[in-house]
C-alpha atoms as a PDB file:
ATOM      1  CA  MET A   1      71.190   0.621  99.672  1.00  0.00           C
ATOM      2  CA  ASN A   2      73.222   1.456  96.607  1.00  0.00           C
ATOM      3  CA  LYS A   3      76.814   0.324  96.091  1.00  0.00           C
ATOM      4  CA  GLU A   4      78.288   3.759  96.796  1.00  0.00           C
ATOM      5  CA  LYS A   5      76.512   3.977 100.160  1.00  0.00           C
ATOM      6  CA  LEU A   6      77.559   0.414 101.014  1.00  0.00           C
ATOM      7  CA  LYS A   7      81.177   1.217 100.174  1.00  0.00           C
ATOM      8  CA  GLU A   8      81.021   4.394 102.294  1.00  0.00           C
ATOM      9  CA  ILE A   9      79.656   2.468 105.297  1.00  0.00           C
ATOM     10  CA  LEU A  10      82.219  -0.323 104.934  1.00  0.00           C
ATOM     11  CA  GLN A  11      85.009   2.257 104.744  1.00  0.00           C
ATOM     12  CA  ILE A  12      83.783   3.855 107.985  1.00  0.00           C
ATOM     13  CA  ILE A  13      83.769   0.447 109.670  1.00  0.00           C
ATOM     14  CA  LEU A  14      87.256  -0.415 108.395  1.00  0.00           C
ATOM     15  CA  ASP A  15      88.584   2.977 109.499  1.00  0.00           C
ATOM     16  CA  ARG A  16      86.970   2.715 112.940  1.00  0.00           C
ATOM     17  CA  LEU A  17      88.253  -0.806 113.543  1.00  0.00           C
ATOM     18  CA  GLY A  18      91.709   0.295 112.433  1.00  0.00           C
ATOM     19  CA  ASP A  19      94.396  -2.286 113.014  1.00  0.00           C
ATOM     20  CA  LYS A  20      92.429  -4.272 115.595  1.00  0.00           C
ATOM     21  CA  ARG A  21      93.078  -7.956 114.952  1.00  0.00           C
ATOM     22  CA  ILE A  22      89.574  -9.338 115.314  1.00  0.00           C
ATOM     23  CA  SER A  23      87.694 -12.020 113.429  1.00  0.00           C
ATOM     24  CA  TRP A  24      84.659 -10.825 111.501  1.00  0.00           C
ATOM     25  CA  ARG A  25      83.031 -11.283 108.122  1.00  0.00           C
ATOM     26  CA  LEU A  26      80.347  -9.890 105.920  1.00  0.00           C
ATOM     27  CA  ASP A  27      77.082 -11.781 105.939  1.00  0.00           C
ATOM     28  CA  GLY A  28      73.879 -11.620 103.986  1.00  0.00           C
ATOM     29  CA  SER A  29      73.463  -9.845 100.675  1.00  0.00           C
ATOM     30  CA  ALA A  30      76.545  -7.640 101.119  1.00  0.00           C
ATOM     31  CA  ASN A  31      78.666 -10.799 101.315  1.00  0.00           C
ATOM     32  CA  LEU A  32      77.121 -12.052  98.077  1.00  0.00           C
ATOM     33  CA  LEU A  33      77.470  -8.693  96.318  1.00  0.00           C
ATOM     34  CA  ALA A  34      81.155  -8.406  97.252  1.00  0.00           C
ATOM     35  CA  GLN A  35      81.689 -11.757  95.533  1.00  0.00           C
ATOM     36  CA  GLY A  36      80.013 -10.786  92.284  1.00  0.00           C
ATOM     37  CA  ILE A  37      76.407 -11.860  92.788  1.00  0.00           C
ATOM     38  CA  SER A  38      73.958  -9.227  91.633  1.00  0.00           C
ATOM     39  CA  THR A  39      71.580  -8.708  94.546  1.00  0.00           C
ATOM     40  CA  ASP A  40      69.929  -5.918  96.495  1.00  0.00           C
ATOM     41  CA  VAL A  41      71.416  -4.994  99.861  1.00  0.00           C
ATOM     42  CA  ASN A  42      68.792  -3.752 102.312  1.00  0.00           C
ATOM     43  CA  ASP A  43      71.045  -3.644 105.357  1.00  0.00           C
ATOM     44  CA  LEU A  44      74.600  -4.594 106.185  1.00  0.00           C
ATOM     45  CA  ASP A  45      75.014  -7.790 108.202  1.00  0.00           C
ATOM     46  CA  ILE A  46      78.267  -8.657 109.938  1.00  0.00           C
ATOM     47  CA  VAL A  47      79.176 -11.764 111.929  1.00  0.00           C
ATOM     48  CA  THR A  48      81.882 -11.836 114.580  1.00  0.00           C
ATOM     49  CA  ASN A  49      82.855 -13.563 117.814  1.00  0.00           C
ATOM     50  CA  GLU A  50      82.733 -12.282 121.399  1.00  0.00           C
ATOM     51  CA  GLU A  51      86.042 -10.393 121.105  1.00  0.00           C
ATOM     52  CA  GLY A  52      84.921  -8.868 117.824  1.00  0.00           C
ATOM     53  CA  MET A  53      81.559  -7.866 119.281  1.00  0.00           C
ATOM     54  CA  ASN A  54      83.358  -5.929 121.995  1.00  0.00           C
ATOM     55  CA  ALA A  55      85.549  -4.219 119.371  1.00  0.00           C
ATOM     56  CA  PHE A  56      82.519  -3.242 117.241  1.00  0.00           C
ATOM     57  CA  GLN A  57      80.689  -1.919 120.314  1.00  0.00           C
ATOM     58  CA  GLU A  58      83.658   0.250 121.217  1.00  0.00           C
ATOM     59  CA  ALA A  59      84.489   1.419 117.685  1.00  0.00           C
ATOM     60  CA  LEU A  60      80.899   2.328 116.771  1.00  0.00           C
ATOM     61  CA  LYS A  61      79.397   3.170 120.176  1.00  0.00           C
ATOM     62  CA  GLU A  62      77.919   6.517 119.169  1.00  0.00           C
ATOM     63  CA  PHE A  63      75.997   4.879 116.293  1.00  0.00           C
ATOM     64  CA  ILE A  64      74.424   2.017 118.273  1.00  0.00           C
ATOM     65  CA  LEU A  65      70.628   2.099 118.318  1.00  0.00           C
ATOM     66  CA  GLN A  66      70.107  -0.987 120.463  1.00  0.00           C
ATOM     67  CA  GLU A  67      71.710  -4.164 121.733  1.00  0.00           C
ATOM     68  CA  TYR A  68      69.777  -7.336 122.387  1.00  0.00           C
ATOM     69  CA  ARG A  69      69.938 -11.090 122.619  1.00  0.00           C
ATOM     70  CA  SER A  70      67.823 -13.236 120.310  1.00  0.00           C
ATOM     71  CA  GLU A  71      66.932 -16.606 121.777  1.00  0.00           C
ATOM     72  CA  GLU A  72      65.569 -17.661 118.379  1.00  0.00           C
ATOM     73  CA  LEU A  73      68.926 -16.996 116.670  1.00  0.00           C
ATOM     74  CA  GLN A  74      70.935 -17.839 119.781  1.00  0.00           C
ATOM     75  CA  ALA A  75      72.871 -14.649 119.134  1.00  0.00           C
ATOM     76  CA  GLN A  76      73.781 -11.295 120.566  1.00  0.00           C
ATOM     77  CA  THR A  77      73.075  -8.438 118.141  1.00  0.00           C
ATOM     78  CA  ILE A  78      73.872  -4.765 118.000  1.00  0.00           C
ATOM     79  CA  GLU A  79      71.853  -2.568 115.669  1.00  0.00           C
ATOM     80  CA  ILE A  80      73.747   0.402 114.301  1.00  0.00           C
ATOM     81  CA  GLU A  81      72.801   3.277 112.027  1.00  0.00           C
ATOM     82  CA  LEU A  82      75.581   4.573 109.791  1.00  0.00           C
ATOM     83  CA  GLU A  83      74.952   7.224 107.159  1.00  0.00           C
ATOM     84  CA  GLY A  84      71.210   6.611 107.516  1.00  0.00           C
ATOM     85  CA  GLU A  85      71.519   2.866 106.829  1.00  0.00           C
ATOM     86  CA  ASP A  86      71.017  -0.149 109.081  1.00  0.00           C
ATOM     87  CA  VAL A  87      73.970  -2.281 110.153  1.00  0.00           C
ATOM     88  CA  GLU A  88      73.586  -5.383 112.301  1.00  0.00           C
ATOM     89  CA  VAL A  89      76.504  -7.110 114.010  1.00  0.00           C
ATOM     90  CA  HIS A  90      75.819 -10.647 115.226  1.00  0.00           C
ATOM     91  CA  PHE A  91      77.679 -12.931 117.606  1.00  0.00           C
ATOM     92  CA  TYR A  92      76.233 -16.451 117.374  1.00  0.00           C
ATOM     93  CA  ASP A  93      76.604 -18.758 120.379  1.00  0.00           C
ATOM     94  CA  ASP A  94      77.167 -21.697 118.046  1.00  0.00           C
ATOM     95  CA  GLU A  95      80.445 -21.458 116.127  1.00  0.00           C
ATOM     96  CA  LYS A  96      78.938 -23.420 113.227  1.00  0.00           C
ATOM     97  CA  PHE A  97      76.937 -20.266 112.400  1.00  0.00           C
ATOM     98  CA  GLN A  98      79.896 -17.932 112.892  1.00  0.00           C
ATOM     99  CA  MET A  99      81.968 -19.772 110.256  1.00  0.00           C
ATOM    100  CA  LEU A 100      84.835 -17.373 110.944  1.00  0.00           C
ATOM    101  CA  ASP A 101      87.365 -20.089 110.133  1.00  0.00           C
ATOM    102  CA  LYS A 102      86.072 -20.098 106.537  1.00  0.00           C
ATOM    103  CA  THR A 103      86.546 -16.359 105.967  1.00  0.00           C
ATOM    104  CA  LYS A 104      88.577 -15.165 102.992  1.00  0.00           C
ATOM    105  CA  LYS A 105      89.645 -11.675 101.959  1.00  0.00           C
ATOM    106  CA  VAL A 106      87.887 -10.342  98.870  1.00  0.00           C
ATOM    107  CA  LYS A 107      88.750  -7.185  96.980  1.00  0.00           C
ATOM    108  CA  TRP A 108      85.613  -5.219  96.162  1.00  0.00           C
ATOM    109  CA  ASP A 109      85.538  -1.708  94.778  1.00  0.00           C
ATOM    110  CA  GLY A 110      88.946  -0.857  96.256  1.00  0.00           C
ATOM    111  CA  LEU A 111      88.227  -2.371  99.685  1.00  0.00           C
ATOM    112  CA  GLU A 112      89.602  -5.595 101.138  1.00  0.00           C
ATOM    113  CA  LEU A 113      86.742  -7.306 102.934  1.00  0.00           C
ATOM    114  CA  PRO A 114      86.419 -10.496 104.985  1.00  0.00           C
ATOM    115  CA  CYS A 115      83.802 -12.627 103.239  1.00  0.00           C
ATOM    116  CA  LEU A 116      82.272 -16.054 103.586  1.00  0.00           C
ATOM    117  CA  PRO A 117      83.057 -17.960 100.356  1.00  0.00           C
ATOM    118  CA  LEU A 118      79.976 -18.698  98.264  1.00  0.00           C
ATOM    119  CA  GLU A 119      80.048 -22.470  98.873  1.00  0.00           C
ATOM    120  CA  ASP A 120      80.129 -21.852 102.622  1.00  0.00           C
ATOM    121  CA  ALA A 121      77.483 -19.120 102.367  1.00  0.00           C
ATOM    122  CA  LYS A 122      75.283 -21.669 100.592  1.00  0.00           C
ATOM    123  CA  LYS A 123      75.773 -24.108 103.505  1.00  0.00           C
ATOM    124  CA  PHE A 124      74.938 -21.330 105.982  1.00  0.00           C
ATOM    125  CA  TYR A 125      71.707 -20.516 104.153  1.00  0.00           C
ATOM    126  CA  GLU A 126      70.823 -24.221 104.046  1.00  0.00           C
ATOM    127  CA  MET A 127      71.267 -24.408 107.854  1.00  0.00           C
ATOM    128  CA  ILE A 128      68.884 -21.473 108.392  1.00  0.00           C
ATOM    129  CA  ASN A 129      66.385 -22.597 105.726  1.00  0.00           C
ATOM    130  CA  ARG A 130      66.758 -19.651 103.336  1.00  0.00           C
ATOM    131  CA  SER A 131      66.059 -21.550 100.102  1.00  0.00           C
ATOM    132  CA  GLU A 132      65.838 -18.427  97.906  1.00  0.00           C
ATOM    133  CA  LYS A 133      69.422 -17.477  98.845  1.00  0.00           C
ATOM    134  CA  VAL A 134      70.579 -21.078  98.282  1.00  0.00           C
ATOM    135  CA  ARG A 135      69.108 -20.994  94.751  1.00  0.00           C
ATOM    136  CA  LEU A 136      70.657 -17.575  94.043  1.00  0.00           C
ATOM    137  CA  ILE A 137      74.109 -18.848  95.018  1.00  0.00           C
ATOM    138  CA  GLU A 138      73.665 -22.133  93.126  1.00  0.00           C
ATOM    139  CA  ASP A 139      72.653 -20.265  89.968  1.00  0.00           C
ATOM    140  CA  ASN A 140      75.749 -18.063  90.221  1.00  0.00           C
ATOM    141  CA  LEU A 141      78.121 -20.940  90.979  1.00  0.00           C
ATOM    142  CA  LYS A 142      76.941 -22.718  87.785  1.00  0.00           C
ATOM    143  CA  ARG A 143      78.080 -19.785  85.661  1.00  0.00           C
END
């Protein structure tokens, strides 16, 4: 998805969540893009905890395509379609994958977004064996 569409979707999410005080963060390529890494974003991935999952389900209920539990990921996931694009919200059983305590606010294109810092994102990708993402982050951290 292009940056304008991503910004539009993130704005909808921020508006819908309003002033709810929940823990959540961007994940995947959108997290990297918001922190200055040039990468394609195919879908928007978000990580939250149980309280946050409930808030996302309520705030975006009319856009939910399906909800399921992945034993492989040990996570609950809701798949959402916003503005014709895929959004996935994950709640990992294991807090080491949530990494919500590492979240920092990042300003991107006029939005303030909760992101996983690049060093921590690199550790996350190492844990899930995504070597291409690890290399992408390493290359950008060297600059």
